[in-house]
């Protein structure tokens, strides 16, 4: 992934996001629309793939216009199937939520790459999320005693969360010193803390969805790790936050 982002430039990141979108949405719809056949799932994935392309060829504001267009297309899809009115109130929200949840949020990584020092910011996001997840796992495994949210994720602990915060802060400080020296230290702390909190919230949110459908992993695509959605969950809310923070604050 790192090599593709470095040597593939913006196109490499676009291809990564397109792949993650297709696989992530496929897993999401298989969890939430398992008995619905492939029709609505295929439409959802096709519409979702539009977001990375729009983010790649625009400045970002067009994503909102695309949301309106997607809403219209989804309405047309269900209007064209009047014999299945009983599924409208259950399947339509799921179809739209999947598009918002995966491609819309993830496409902000493409927008981030287009900013000044874009590649540095993308790596800041990736490395800080990875550092937080890894630190939280190891600290929670070694010394974790106080459950963080047992109803959703029985293995997460308060100690793990604090360890993840420490890991995010350390890596963010290192990346700031090496690659983004113009970033004030106060912003570094804010970004690292927010990335950790949003990453853990995204992880808990995906765990909530899996628990609701009684699934352990989003899929078995990656042995020992679950599916693509299991690997993406920590990035989904962190990516938009970093992008808007860079654009509006930094």
Protein backbone atom coordinates (compact mmCIF):
# COMPACT_ATOMS: atom_id res chain seq x y z
CA UNK A 1 0.00 0.00 0.00
CA UNK A 2 2.78 2.41 0.91
CA UNK A 3 4.66 1.69 -2.33
CA UNK A 4 1.52 2.18 -4.41
CA UNK A 5 0.80 5.52 -2.75
CA UNK A 6 4.39 6.74 -3.22
CA UNK A 7 5.10 5.55 -6.74
CA UNK A 8 1.54 5.44 -8.04
CA UNK A 9 0.94 9.06 -7.01
CA UNK A 10 -2.71 10.17 -7.11
CA UNK A 11 -3.74 7.43 -9.53
CA UNK A 12 -2.33 4.76 -7.23
CA UNK A 13 -4.35 6.09 -4.30
CA UNK A 14 -7.45 6.27 -6.51
CA UNK A 15 -7.04 2.60 -7.44
CA UNK A 16 -6.60 1.64 -3.79
CA UNK A 17 -9.73 3.53 -2.75
CA UNK A 18 -11.73 2.06 -5.65
CA UNK A 19 -10.68 -1.46 -4.66
CA UNK A 20 -11.42 -0.84 -0.98
CA UNK A 21 -14.79 0.68 -1.88
CA UNK A 22 -15.87 -2.24 -4.05
CA UNK A 23 -14.78 -4.90 -1.55
CA UNK A 24 -15.93 -2.97 1.52
CA UNK A 25 -19.39 -2.25 0.11
CA UNK A 26 -19.73 -5.85 -1.05
CA UNK A 27 -19.03 -7.04 2.50
CA UNK A 28 -21.35 -4.45 4.03
CA UNK A 29 -24.27 -5.39 1.81
CA UNK A 30 -23.68 -9.11 2.32
CA UNK A 31 -23.97 -8.47 6.06
CA UNK A 32 -26.99 -6.17 5.94
CA UNK A 33 -28.86 -7.35 2.79
CA UNK A 34 -28.05 -11.07 2.75
CA UNK A 35 -31.43 -12.25 1.44
CA UNK A 36 -31.96 -9.50 -1.10
CA UNK A 37 -30.19 -11.02 -4.10
CA UNK A 38 -27.50 -9.22 -6.04
CA UNK A 39 -29.55 -6.52 -7.79
CA UNK A 40 -29.62 -3.80 -5.14
CA UNK A 41 -26.15 -4.72 -3.93
CA UNK A 42 -24.75 -4.29 -7.44
CA UNK A 43 -26.44 -0.90 -7.83
CA UNK A 44 -25.10 0.22 -4.45
CA UNK A 45 -21.55 -0.79 -5.33
CA UNK A 46 -21.77 0.87 -8.76
CA UNK A 47 -23.03 4.12 -7.25
CA UNK A 48 -20.39 3.95 -4.52
CA UNK A 49 -17.58 3.68 -7.06
CA UNK A 50 -18.60 7.07 -8.46
CA UNK A 51 -17.39 8.85 -5.31
CA UNK A 52 -13.66 8.09 -5.62
CA UNK A 53 -13.74 9.19 -9.27
CA UNK A 54 -15.50 12.45 -8.44
CA UNK A 55 -13.07 13.12 -5.59
CA UNK A 56 -10.15 12.44 -7.93
CA UNK A 57 -11.35 14.78 -10.69
CA UNK A 58 -12.84 17.56 -8.54
CA UNK A 59 -12.06 19.74 -5.53
CA UNK A 60 -14.52 18.08 -3.17
CA UNK A 61 -17.68 20.15 -3.28
CA UNK A 62 -19.02 17.96 -6.04
CA UNK A 63 -19.33 15.07 -3.59
CA UNK A 64 -22.43 16.72 -2.12
CA UNK A 65 -23.98 17.09 -5.57
CA UNK A 66 -23.23 13.43 -6.20
CA UNK A 67 -25.04 12.52 -2.97
CA UNK A 68 -28.17 14.22 -4.28
CA UNK A 69 -27.86 12.35 -7.60
CA UNK A 70 -27.35 9.03 -5.79
CA UNK A 71 -30.44 9.65 -3.65
CA UNK A 72 -32.45 10.29 -6.82
CA UNK A 73 -31.15 7.14 -8.54
CA UNK A 74 -31.94 5.00 -5.49
CA UNK A 75 -35.49 6.39 -5.42
CA UNK A 76 -35.85 5.52 -9.11
CA UNK A 77 -34.58 2.02 -8.41
CA UNK A 78 -37.29 1.36 -5.84
CA UNK A 79 -39.99 3.16 -7.87
CA UNK A 80 -39.25 0.76 -10.71
CA UNK A 81 -40.03 -2.20 -8.45
CA UNK A 82 -43.57 -1.53 -7.17
CA UNK A 83 -44.17 -5.20 -6.39
CA UNK A 84 -41.54 -4.99 -3.62
CA UNK A 85 -43.01 -2.09 -1.66
CA UNK A 86 -42.65 -3.99 1.59
CA UNK A 87 -38.84 -3.76 1.32
CA UNK A 88 -38.62 0.00 0.68
CA UNK A 89 -38.42 1.19 4.28
CA UNK A 90 -35.86 -1.45 5.23
CA UNK A 91 -33.66 -1.85 2.14
CA UNK A 92 -33.50 1.74 0.88
CA UNK A 93 -31.96 3.17 4.08
CA UNK A 94 -29.43 0.32 4.17
CA UNK A 95 -28.50 0.86 0.53
CA UNK A 96 -27.98 4.59 1.08
CA UNK A 97 -26.18 4.17 4.39
CA UNK A 98 -23.66 1.81 2.82
CA UNK A 99 -22.83 4.43 0.18
CA UNK A 100 -22.40 7.13 2.80
CA UNK A 101 -20.51 4.87 5.19
CA UNK A 102 -17.82 3.50 2.87
CA UNK A 103 -17.16 5.42 -0.38
CA UNK A 104 -18.29 8.90 0.69
CA UNK A 105 -16.16 8.89 3.83
CA UNK A 106 -13.20 7.09 2.29
CA UNK A 107 -13.07 9.42 -0.73
CA UNK A 108 -11.84 12.17 1.57
CA UNK A 109 -8.45 10.45 1.56
CA UNK A 110 -8.26 11.24 -2.17
CA UNK A 111 -9.16 14.88 -1.48
CA UNK A 112 -6.51 14.99 1.24
CA UNK A 113 -3.88 13.76 -1.23
CA UNK A 114 -4.60 16.76 -3.48
CA UNK A 115 -3.80 19.33 -0.79
CA UNK A 116 -0.33 20.89 -0.40
CA UNK A 117 1.90 18.28 1.27
CA UNK A 118 -0.86 15.85 0.35
CA UNK A 119 1.21 12.69 0.35
CA UNK A 120 2.65 13.60 3.75
CA UNK A 121 -0.87 14.12 5.11
CA UNK A 122 -2.05 10.79 3.73
CA UNK A 123 0.81 9.02 5.47
CA UNK A 124 0.13 11.03 8.64
CA UNK A 125 -3.43 9.66 8.57
CA UNK A 126 -2.41 6.08 7.77
CA UNK A 127 0.47 5.81 10.21
CA UNK A 128 -1.36 7.50 13.08
CA UNK A 129 -4.38 5.22 12.68
CA UNK A 130 -2.18 2.13 12.45
CA UNK A 131 -0.14 3.23 15.48
CA UNK A 132 -3.29 3.80 17.52
CA UNK A 133 -4.83 0.46 16.58
CA UNK A 134 -1.61 -1.48 17.18
CA UNK A 135 -0.81 0.22 20.50
CA UNK A 136 -4.38 -0.23 21.73
CA UNK A 137 -4.27 -3.93 20.88
CA UNK A 138 -0.96 -4.67 22.60
CA UNK A 139 -1.55 -2.53 25.69
CA UNK A 140 -5.07 -3.90 26.07
CA UNK A 141 -3.81 -7.46 25.70
CA UNK A 142 -1.03 -7.05 28.26
CA UNK A 143 -2.56 -4.87 30.98
CA UNK A 144 -6.19 -4.33 29.99
CA UNK A 145 -8.62 -4.86 32.87
CA UNK A 146 -11.42 -2.30 32.62
CA UNK A 147 -13.84 -3.00 29.78
CA UNK A 148 -14.48 -0.07 27.46
CA UNK A 149 -17.78 -1.14 25.85
CA UNK A 150 -18.46 -4.82 26.58
CA UNK A 151 -21.93 -4.80 25.02
CA UNK A 152 -20.38 -4.16 21.59
CA UNK A 153 -16.71 -5.19 21.83
CA UNK A 154 -15.91 -7.33 24.89
CA UNK A 155 -12.14 -7.27 24.28
CA UNK A 156 -11.65 -3.50 24.17
CA UNK A 157 -10.42 -1.93 27.38
CA UNK A 158 -9.87 1.54 28.80
CA UNK A 159 -6.17 0.73 29.18
CA UNK A 160 -6.05 -0.23 25.51
CA UNK A 161 -7.67 3.08 24.54
CA UNK A 162 -5.09 5.03 26.56
CA UNK A 163 -2.29 2.96 25.06
CA UNK A 164 -3.65 3.68 21.61
CA UNK A 165 -3.70 7.38 22.38
CA UNK A 166 -0.08 7.26 23.47
CA UNK A 167 0.90 5.40 20.31
CA UNK A 168 -0.95 7.86 18.09
CA UNK A 169 0.66 10.85 19.80
CA UNK A 170 4.17 9.41 19.54
CA UNK A 171 3.89 8.52 15.85
CA UNK A 172 2.15 11.79 14.99
CA UNK A 173 4.91 13.75 16.73
CA UNK A 174 7.55 11.78 14.83
CA UNK A 175 5.84 12.33 11.48
CA UNK A 176 5.40 16.01 12.22
CA UNK A 177 9.10 16.39 13.02
CA UNK A 178 10.18 14.54 9.87
CA UNK A 179 7.70 15.60 7.19
CA UNK A 180 5.31 18.39 8.29
CA UNK A 181 7.47 20.75 10.34
CA UNK A 182 5.17 23.70 9.67
CA UNK A 183 2.40 22.01 11.68
CA UNK A 184 2.14 23.58 15.17
CA UNK A 185 2.51 21.14 18.03
CA UNK A 186 -0.94 21.96 19.41
CA UNK A 187 -2.50 20.92 16.09
CA UNK A 188 -0.41 17.75 16.10
CA UNK A 189 -1.84 16.77 19.48
CA UNK A 190 -5.40 17.61 18.41
CA UNK A 191 -5.10 15.64 15.17
CA UNK A 192 -3.53 12.59 16.81
CA UNK A 193 -6.12 12.53 19.60
CA UNK A 194 -9.04 12.97 17.20
CA UNK A 195 -7.71 10.29 14.84
CA UNK A 196 -7.47 7.83 17.72
CA UNK A 197 -10.95 8.62 19.06
CA UNK A 198 -12.58 8.58 15.62
CA UNK A 199 -10.70 5.42 14.68
CA UNK A 200 -11.87 3.59 17.78
CA UNK A 201 -15.42 4.88 17.28
CA UNK A 202 -15.36 3.59 13.70
CA UNK A 203 -14.13 0.23 14.96
CA UNK A 204 -16.91 0.06 17.54
CA UNK A 205 -19.47 1.12 14.94
CA UNK A 206 -18.51 -1.71 12.60
CA UNK A 207 -18.52 -4.13 15.54
CA UNK A 208 -22.06 -2.95 16.33
CA UNK A 209 -23.16 -3.76 12.76
CA UNK A 210 -21.56 -7.21 12.90
CA UNK A 211 -23.07 -7.95 16.30
CA UNK A 212 -26.50 -6.89 15.01
CA UNK A 213 -26.31 -9.55 12.29
CA UNK A 214 -24.44 -12.07 14.45
CA UNK A 215 -21.23 -12.05 12.38
CA UNK A 216 -17.68 -12.29 13.72
CA UNK A 217 -15.97 -10.68 10.70
CA UNK A 218 -17.17 -8.77 7.66
CA UNK A 219 -15.73 -11.62 5.55
CA UNK A 220 -12.91 -14.16 5.53
CA UNK A 221 -10.96 -12.45 2.77
CA UNK A 222 -7.87 -11.72 4.90
CA UNK A 223 -6.99 -14.76 7.04
CA UNK A 224 -6.61 -13.78 10.68
CA UNK A 225 -7.90 -10.26 10.07
CA UNK A 226 -11.39 -10.69 8.65
CA UNK A 227 -12.49 -8.64 5.67
CA UNK A 228 -11.63 -5.36 4.01
CA UNK A 229 -14.29 -3.56 6.03
CA UNK A 230 -12.63 -4.81 9.22
CA UNK A 231 -9.41 -3.10 8.06
CA UNK A 232 -11.14 0.09 6.90
CA UNK A 233 -13.34 0.84 9.89
CA UNK A 234 -10.74 2.93 11.74
CA UNK A 235 -10.12 5.15 8.68
CA UNK A 236 -13.68 5.93 7.68
CA UNK A 237 -14.36 8.79 10.10
CA UNK A 238 -10.73 9.80 10.59
CA UNK A 239 -10.14 10.57 6.89
CA UNK A 240 -12.83 13.29 6.58
CA UNK A 241 -11.76 14.83 9.88
CA UNK A 242 -8.11 15.14 8.84
CA UNK A 243 -9.10 16.54 5.43
CA UNK A 244 -11.40 19.23 6.81
CA UNK A 245 -8.98 20.07 9.61
CA UNK A 246 -6.19 20.58 7.10
CA UNK A 247 -8.38 22.66 4.80
CA UNK A 248 -10.18 24.76 7.42
CA UNK A 249 -7.68 25.04 10.27
CA UNK A 250 -4.16 24.33 9.09
